[in-house]
Amino acid sequence: MPEQKPTVALVTSPRFVEHETGQFHPERPDRIRAIHRAVRAAGLVDSPDPFPDFQLDLGTMPHAPSKLLEVEPQPAKEMWLELVHPRRLIEHARRVADAGGGVLDQGATPIGPKSYEIALLYVGGVLTAGDLVMTGQVKRAFVAGRPPGHHAEPDRSMGFCLFSNIAIGARYLQTKYSLRRIAIVDFDVHHGNGTQAVFEDDPGVFFVSMHEDPRVCYPGSGYEWENGVGAGRGYTMNVPFPSGAEDKDYLDVLRRRVIPALEAFDPEVLMISAGFDAHLDDPLANVALSEAAYYDMTRELVALAERKCGGKVISVLEGGYHLRALGRSVVRHLIALGE
């Protein structure tokens, strides 16, 4: 029998460890090492681990029923960044990196000498994933890179994020494939303020952010009454959760509120800002999700995509700072994307 074509692409590169944030920063290169180790421990890919000396106890891993298509991205051209960011922000990030590194905001977003190049590589990965899905080479794709992007607003880098990766990807899909209805679901524990800022006046993008209560969690935005502006009013949905929220709380809201809203929107493609820092072991917030929640939420979103847009899903890594929890949760997310 001929070998079955992979349903899901994993777009990533060992080069993502070259974005240097300092010894004690939570958004550290080991996040990528943990994901590379986990996908191999689960049997999702067969290629050699590029970080054989990295030590991480993952425990007993679930075994994946199918393999992923591994894809190495290329850096994006700067023209695609300009779909979201002004030239001055792009130039500032490049110049700070060229000078040997520095800090792009009030201290949360340090960069090293290669960070600008690696940020372009991550954007390139998102664009590659878009092409793979939109041309039918795979049904779904997950981009595992860094630095993350959902806090980067059009005119400022912030919250560990240089550029708004998923927003650039959505604008790319609008530009290259003439898509008129794109849905973005962000389940990172922190509000996706950058993505919201890009699309809050755009009725062609329905943005949903599920996050911890902004009164107690960075960046302090994402209240329910933030629902878009102008022509985009009603196309932003913020769902804040109390500290200590668990799997059942997220799944109930996803099924009762988010999925029906997305059904009504009728997207042509579904994008996911996949942050895994709502995990109960994560050090940067106070939500208590298990790995099973990421599997269950992803299955719900995949089922929606199958009903509405031919199963097309583009998922982009955001947060997740406990290495074991990150690796294991990404595996559950990938397994669900492939089912």
Protein backbone atom coordinates (compact mmCIF):
# COMPACT_ATOMS: atom_id res chain seq x y z
CA MET A 1 0.00 0.00 0.00
CA PRO A 2 1.27 3.53 -0.74
CA GLU A 3 2.37 5.56 2.26
CA GLN A 4 -0.39 7.83 3.57
CA LYS A 5 0.09 11.54 2.92
CA PRO A 6 0.64 13.49 6.17
CA THR A 7 -2.34 15.56 7.30
CA VAL A 8 -0.30 17.96 9.45
CA ALA A 9 2.92 19.87 8.81
CA LEU A 10 5.34 20.80 11.58
CA VAL A 11 7.11 23.97 10.49
CA THR A 12 10.15 24.57 12.67
CA SER A 13 13.91 24.95 12.76
CA PRO A 14 16.70 24.35 15.27
CA ARG A 15 17.78 27.91 14.48
CA PHE A 16 15.04 29.29 16.71
CA VAL A 17 17.36 28.77 19.69
CA GLU A 18 19.55 31.59 18.28
CA HIS A 19 17.16 34.24 19.62
CA GLU A 20 18.95 35.11 22.88
CA THR A 21 16.99 36.55 25.79
CA GLY A 22 19.39 36.12 28.70
CA GLN A 23 20.06 33.39 31.24
CA PHE A 24 16.98 33.85 33.43
CA HIS A 25 14.34 34.95 30.94
CA PRO A 26 11.30 32.62 30.75
CA GLU A 27 11.09 32.90 26.95
CA ARG A 28 14.31 30.98 26.50
CA PRO A 29 15.85 28.78 23.79
CA ASP A 30 15.14 25.60 25.76
CA ARG A 31 11.47 26.00 24.81
CA ILE A 32 12.34 24.94 21.26
CA ARG A 33 14.62 22.17 22.50
CA ALA A 34 11.75 20.83 24.63
CA ILE A 35 9.38 20.73 21.66
CA HIS A 36 11.93 18.99 19.44
CA ARG A 37 12.52 16.39 22.14
CA ALA A 38 8.79 15.85 22.80
CA VAL A 39 7.70 15.34 19.20
CA ARG A 40 10.38 12.70 18.78
CA ALA A 41 9.55 10.97 22.06
CA ALA A 42 5.95 10.72 20.87
CA GLY A 43 6.94 9.29 17.49
CA LEU A 44 5.54 12.24 15.55
CA VAL A 45 8.74 12.61 13.51
CA ASP A 46 11.60 10.27 12.65
CA SER A 47 14.44 12.71 12.01
CA PRO A 48 17.36 12.91 14.46
CA ASP A 49 17.02 15.25 17.42
CA PRO A 50 19.11 18.38 16.67
CA PHE A 51 19.74 18.78 20.42
CA PRO A 52 20.95 15.33 21.56
CA ASP A 53 22.65 16.69 24.69
CA PHE A 54 19.55 18.49 25.99
CA GLN A 55 18.20 16.95 29.19
CA LEU A 56 14.46 16.87 29.88
CA ASP A 57 12.30 14.34 31.73
CA LEU A 58 9.07 14.13 29.74
CA GLY A 59 7.63 11.11 31.54
CA THR A 60 5.56 8.58 29.62
CA MET A 61 4.51 10.14 26.35
CA PRO A 62 1.36 9.46 24.32
CA HIS A 63 2.17 7.72 21.06
CA ALA A 64 1.11 9.53 17.92
CA PRO A 65 -1.03 7.60 15.42
CA SER A 66 0.52 9.34 12.39
CA LYS A 67 3.65 11.18 11.32
CA LEU A 68 4.04 14.87 10.59
CA LEU A 69 5.46 16.47 7.48
CA GLU A 70 8.57 18.31 8.68
CA VAL A 71 9.21 21.63 6.94
CA GLU A 72 12.13 24.00 7.46
CA PRO A 73 11.10 27.65 6.92
CA GLN A 74 12.97 30.47 5.23
CA PRO A 75 13.05 34.07 6.57
CA ALA A 76 10.19 36.27 5.46
CA LYS A 77 10.81 39.29 3.27
CA GLU A 78 10.42 42.56 5.15
CA MET A 79 7.60 43.58 2.81
CA TRP A 80 5.31 41.12 4.58
CA LEU A 81 6.04 42.65 7.99
CA GLU A 82 4.91 45.99 6.57
CA LEU A 83 1.39 44.58 6.19
CA VAL A 84 1.13 45.12 9.97
CA HIS A 85 4.06 47.18 11.25
CA PRO A 86 5.37 50.61 10.25
CA ARG A 87 8.84 50.78 8.78
CA ARG A 88 10.24 52.58 11.81
CA LEU A 89 9.42 49.67 14.16
CA ILE A 90 11.01 47.16 11.79
CA GLU A 91 14.12 49.30 11.39
CA HIS A 92 14.42 49.83 15.15
CA ALA A 93 14.40 46.08 15.86
CA ARG A 94 16.97 45.47 13.15
CA ARG A 95 19.29 48.22 14.36
CA VAL A 96 19.16 47.07 18.00
CA ALA A 97 20.04 43.54 16.92
CA ASP A 98 22.82 44.79 14.62
CA ALA A 99 24.26 46.72 17.57
CA GLY A 100 24.62 43.45 19.50
CA GLY A 101 21.24 43.34 21.19
CA GLY A 102 19.28 45.28 23.77
CA VAL A 103 15.74 45.72 25.05
CA LEU A 104 12.76 46.72 22.91
CA ASP A 105 10.31 47.72 25.66
CA GLN A 106 10.39 48.37 29.41
CA GLY A 107 12.43 45.24 30.06
CA ALA A 108 10.29 42.26 28.99
CA THR A 109 11.56 41.97 25.40
CA PRO A 110 15.34 41.58 25.29
CA ILE A 111 16.95 40.61 22.00
CA GLY A 112 20.37 39.39 20.93
CA PRO A 113 22.45 39.93 17.80
CA LYS A 114 20.57 37.31 15.77
CA SER A 115 17.09 38.03 17.09
CA TYR A 116 15.93 40.13 14.15
CA GLU A 117 16.96 37.44 11.68
CA ILE A 118 15.29 34.72 13.75
CA ALA A 119 12.11 36.78 14.12
CA LEU A 120 11.99 37.00 10.31
CA LEU A 121 12.46 33.22 10.22
CA TYR A 122 9.42 32.76 12.46
CA VAL A 123 7.28 35.02 10.29
CA GLY A 124 8.53 33.05 7.30
CA GLY A 125 7.39 29.88 9.01
CA VAL A 126 3.89 31.28 9.45
CA LEU A 127 3.74 32.27 5.77
CA THR A 128 5.02 28.83 4.76
CA ALA A 129 2.33 27.18 6.87
CA GLY A 130 -0.26 29.36 5.17
CA ASP A 131 0.94 28.29 1.74
CA LEU A 132 1.00 24.60 2.69
CA VAL A 133 -2.57 24.70 3.93
CA MET A 134 -4.05 26.97 1.28
CA THR A 135 -2.53 24.96 -1.60
CA GLY A 136 -3.74 21.66 -0.16
CA GLN A 137 -0.35 20.13 0.55
CA VAL A 138 -1.57 19.49 4.10
CA LYS A 139 -4.85 20.13 5.89
CA ARG A 140 -3.28 21.69 8.96
CA ALA A 141 0.05 23.08 10.08
CA PHE A 142 1.71 23.97 13.37
CA VAL A 143 4.56 26.48 13.48
CA ALA A 144 6.92 26.00 16.43
CA GLY A 145 9.20 29.00 16.67
CA ARG A 146 10.20 31.98 18.73
CA PRO A 147 10.05 34.84 19.58
CA PRO A 148 6.27 34.74 20.05
CA GLY A 149 4.06 37.44 18.57
CA HIS A 150 0.58 38.01 19.93
CA HIS A 151 1.55 40.92 22.23
CA ALA A 152 3.34 42.91 19.51
CA GLU A 153 1.10 45.80 18.51
CA PRO A 154 1.42 47.55 15.16
CA ASP A 155 3.59 50.34 16.59
CA ARG A 156 5.45 48.60 19.44
CA SER A 157 7.18 45.36 20.35
CA MET A 158 6.26 44.13 23.83
CA GLY A 159 5.67 41.11 26.06
CA PHE A 160 8.53 38.95 24.66
CA CYS A 161 7.20 39.63 21.11
CA LEU A 162 9.04 41.46 18.30
CA PHE A 163 6.49 41.18 15.49
CA SER A 164 2.84 40.13 15.37
CA ASN A 165 3.47 36.77 13.72
CA ILE A 166 -0.07 35.45 13.40
CA ALA A 167 -1.45 38.85 12.36
CA ILE A 168 1.14 39.10 9.59
CA GLY A 169 0.13 35.58 8.56
CA ALA A 170 -3.53 36.57 8.39
CA ARG A 171 -2.78 39.70 6.36
CA TYR A 172 -0.68 37.52 4.04
CA LEU A 173 -3.64 35.19 3.51
CA GLN A 174 -5.88 38.17 2.79
CA THR A 175 -3.34 39.54 0.31
CA LYS A 176 -2.17 36.41 -1.49
CA TYR A 177 -5.30 34.26 -1.38
CA SER A 178 -8.00 36.98 -1.26
CA LEU A 179 -9.58 35.50 1.85
CA ARG A 180 -12.50 37.49 3.20
CA ARG A 181 -13.23 35.64 6.47
CA ILE A 182 -10.38 34.50 8.74
CA ALA A 183 -10.97 33.32 12.30
CA ILE A 184 -8.20 33.52 14.92
CA VAL A 185 -8.58 31.75 18.28
CA ASP A 186 -6.00 32.61 20.94
CA PHE A 187 -5.92 30.32 24.00
CA ASP A 188 -2.67 31.64 25.45
CA VAL A 189 -3.23 32.54 29.11
CA HIS A 190 -2.38 36.18 28.34
CA HIS A 191 -4.64 38.40 26.26
CA GLY A 192 -3.61 38.70 22.61
CA ASN A 193 -3.54 42.49 22.70
CA GLY A 194 -1.33 42.81 19.63
CA THR A 195 -3.53 40.66 17.43
CA GLN A 196 -6.58 42.55 18.67
CA ALA A 197 -4.97 45.90 17.91
CA VAL A 198 -4.31 44.84 14.31
CA PHE A 199 -7.82 43.58 13.57
CA GLU A 200 -10.20 45.41 15.92
CA ASP A 201 -11.62 47.46 13.03
CA ASP A 202 -11.56 44.65 10.43
CA PRO A 203 -14.83 42.72 9.95
CA GLY A 204 -12.96 40.18 7.82
CA VAL A 205 -11.11 38.75 10.83
CA PHE A 206 -12.97 37.31 13.82
CA PHE A 207 -10.58 37.34 16.78
CA VAL A 208 -11.28 35.35 19.95
CA SER A 209 -8.98 35.52 22.98
CA MET A 210 -9.45 33.17 25.96
CA HIS A 211 -7.22 34.33 28.80
CA GLU A 212 -6.86 34.97 32.51
CA ASP A 213 -8.68 37.94 34.03
CA PRO A 214 -6.88 41.14 32.91
CA ARG A 215 -7.20 42.57 36.42
CA VAL A 216 -4.59 40.05 37.59
CA CYS A 217 -2.73 39.02 34.43
CA TYR A 218 -0.44 40.69 31.89
CA PRO A 219 -0.99 42.77 29.79
CA GLY A 220 -4.03 44.14 31.61
CA SER A 221 -6.33 44.18 28.59
CA GLY A 222 -8.93 41.83 27.16
CA TYR A 223 -12.10 42.77 29.02
CA GLU A 224 -15.37 41.40 27.65
CA TRP A 225 -16.47 44.86 26.59
CA GLU A 226 -13.52 45.09 24.18
CA ASN A 227 -15.41 43.81 21.15
CA GLY A 228 -14.00 45.76 18.21
CA VAL A 229 -14.34 49.28 16.85
CA GLY A 230 -15.99 50.86 13.82
CA ALA A 231 -16.70 48.33 11.08
CA GLY A 232 -15.04 45.67 13.22
CA ARG A 233 -17.42 45.98 16.17
CA GLY A 234 -18.69 42.53 17.07
CA TYR A 235 -15.75 40.74 15.44
CA THR A 236 -13.59 40.65 18.57
CA MET A 237 -14.55 38.32 21.44
CA ASN A 238 -12.66 38.44 24.73
CA VAL A 239 -13.30 35.69 27.26
CA PRO A 240 -11.47 36.32 30.55
CA PHE A 241 -11.31 33.47 33.07
CA PRO A 242 -10.84 33.72 36.83
CA SER A 243 -7.60 32.52 38.37
CA GLY A 244 -7.80 28.80 39.03
CA ALA A 245 -10.03 28.05 36.03
CA GLU A 246 -9.85 24.40 34.98
CA ASP A 247 -10.41 22.22 31.93
CA LYS A 248 -14.18 22.09 32.32
CA ASP A 249 -14.41 25.89 32.49
CA TYR A 250 -12.53 26.41 29.23
CA LEU A 251 -14.33 23.62 27.40
CA ASP A 252 -17.73 24.85 28.51
CA VAL A 253 -17.06 28.36 27.23
CA LEU A 254 -15.52 27.06 24.02
CA ARG A 255 -18.54 24.89 23.25
CA ARG A 256 -21.23 27.25 24.49
CA ARG A 257 -19.94 30.64 23.27
CA VAL A 258 -16.88 30.47 21.02
CA ILE A 259 -17.82 27.66 18.64
CA PRO A 260 -21.33 29.04 17.92
CA ALA A 261 -19.86 32.49 17.22
CA LEU A 262 -17.31 31.02 14.83
CA GLU A 263 -19.99 28.92 13.15
CA ALA A 264 -21.98 32.07 12.46
CA PHE A 265 -18.89 33.84 11.11
CA ASP A 266 -18.30 30.99 8.62
CA PRO A 267 -14.50 31.26 8.28
CA GLU A 268 -12.54 30.27 5.20
CA VAL A 269 -9.59 29.27 7.39
CA LEU A 270 -9.01 28.93 11.13
CA MET A 271 -5.82 30.20 12.75
CA ILE A 272 -4.80 29.42 16.34
CA SER A 273 -2.50 31.39 18.63
CA ALA A 274 -1.43 28.30 20.55
CA GLY A 275 -0.04 29.36 23.89
CA PHE A 276 0.40 26.62 26.49
CA ASP A 277 0.94 28.81 29.55
CA ALA A 278 -2.53 28.24 30.96
CA HIS A 279 -1.16 24.84 32.06
CA LEU A 280 -1.38 24.28 35.81
CA ASP A 281 2.43 23.96 36.06
CA ASP A 282 3.24 27.14 34.16
CA PRO A 283 4.98 29.79 36.29
CA LEU A 284 3.64 32.96 34.59
CA ALA A 285 -0.09 32.77 35.38
CA ASN A 286 -2.67 31.12 37.60
CA VAL A 287 -4.94 29.05 35.36
CA ALA A 288 -4.98 25.29 35.94
CA LEU A 289 -5.43 23.49 32.61
CA SER A 290 -4.16 19.97 32.05
CA GLU A 291 -2.58 18.61 28.88
CA ALA A 292 -5.91 16.95 28.12
CA ALA A 293 -7.53 20.38 27.81
CA TYR A 294 -5.25 21.27 24.91
CA TYR A 295 -6.18 18.05 23.17
CA ASP A 296 -9.89 18.58 23.78
CA MET A 297 -9.90 22.26 22.75
CA THR A 298 -7.94 21.46 19.61
CA ARG A 299 -10.35 18.65 18.69
CA GLU A 300 -13.30 21.04 19.04
CA LEU A 301 -11.58 23.60 16.81
CA VAL A 302 -10.58 21.00 14.22
CA ALA A 303 -14.17 19.74 14.09
CA LEU A 304 -15.34 23.30 13.49
CA ALA A 305 -12.79 23.70 10.70
CA GLU A 306 -13.93 20.45 9.10
CA ARG A 307 -17.51 21.70 9.07
CA LYS A 308 -16.79 25.24 7.85
CA CYS A 309 -13.54 25.47 5.87
CA GLY A 310 -12.42 22.08 4.65
CA GLY A 311 -10.42 21.40 7.81
CA LYS A 312 -7.91 24.17 7.16
CA VAL A 313 -6.08 25.14 10.38
CA ILE A 314 -2.86 27.12 10.83
CA SER A 315 -1.58 27.02 14.41
CA VAL A 316 1.22 29.25 15.69
CA LEU A 317 3.14 28.80 18.96
CA GLU A 318 2.85 31.60 21.48
CA GLY A 319 3.63 31.09 25.20
CA GLY A 320 4.36 28.11 27.44
CA TYR A 321 7.24 28.36 29.90
CA HIS A 322 7.31 25.13 31.92
CA LEU A 323 9.41 22.94 29.64
CA ARG A 324 7.89 19.57 30.48
CA ALA A 325 4.35 20.91 30.32
CA LEU A 326 5.11 22.73 27.07
CA GLY A 327 6.54 19.67 25.32
CA ARG A 328 3.77 17.37 26.45
CA SER A 329 1.00 19.88 25.67
CA VAL A 330 2.35 20.57 22.17
CA VAL A 331 2.29 16.84 21.49
CA ARG A 332 -1.36 16.61 22.54
CA HIS A 333 -2.14 19.62 20.32
CA LEU A 334 -0.40 18.01 17.35
CA ILE A 335 -2.10 14.66 17.84
CA ALA A 336 -5.47 16.41 17.90
CA LEU A 337 -4.62 18.38 14.75
CA GLY A 338 -3.91 15.08 12.97
CA GLU A 339 -7.07 13.22 13.95
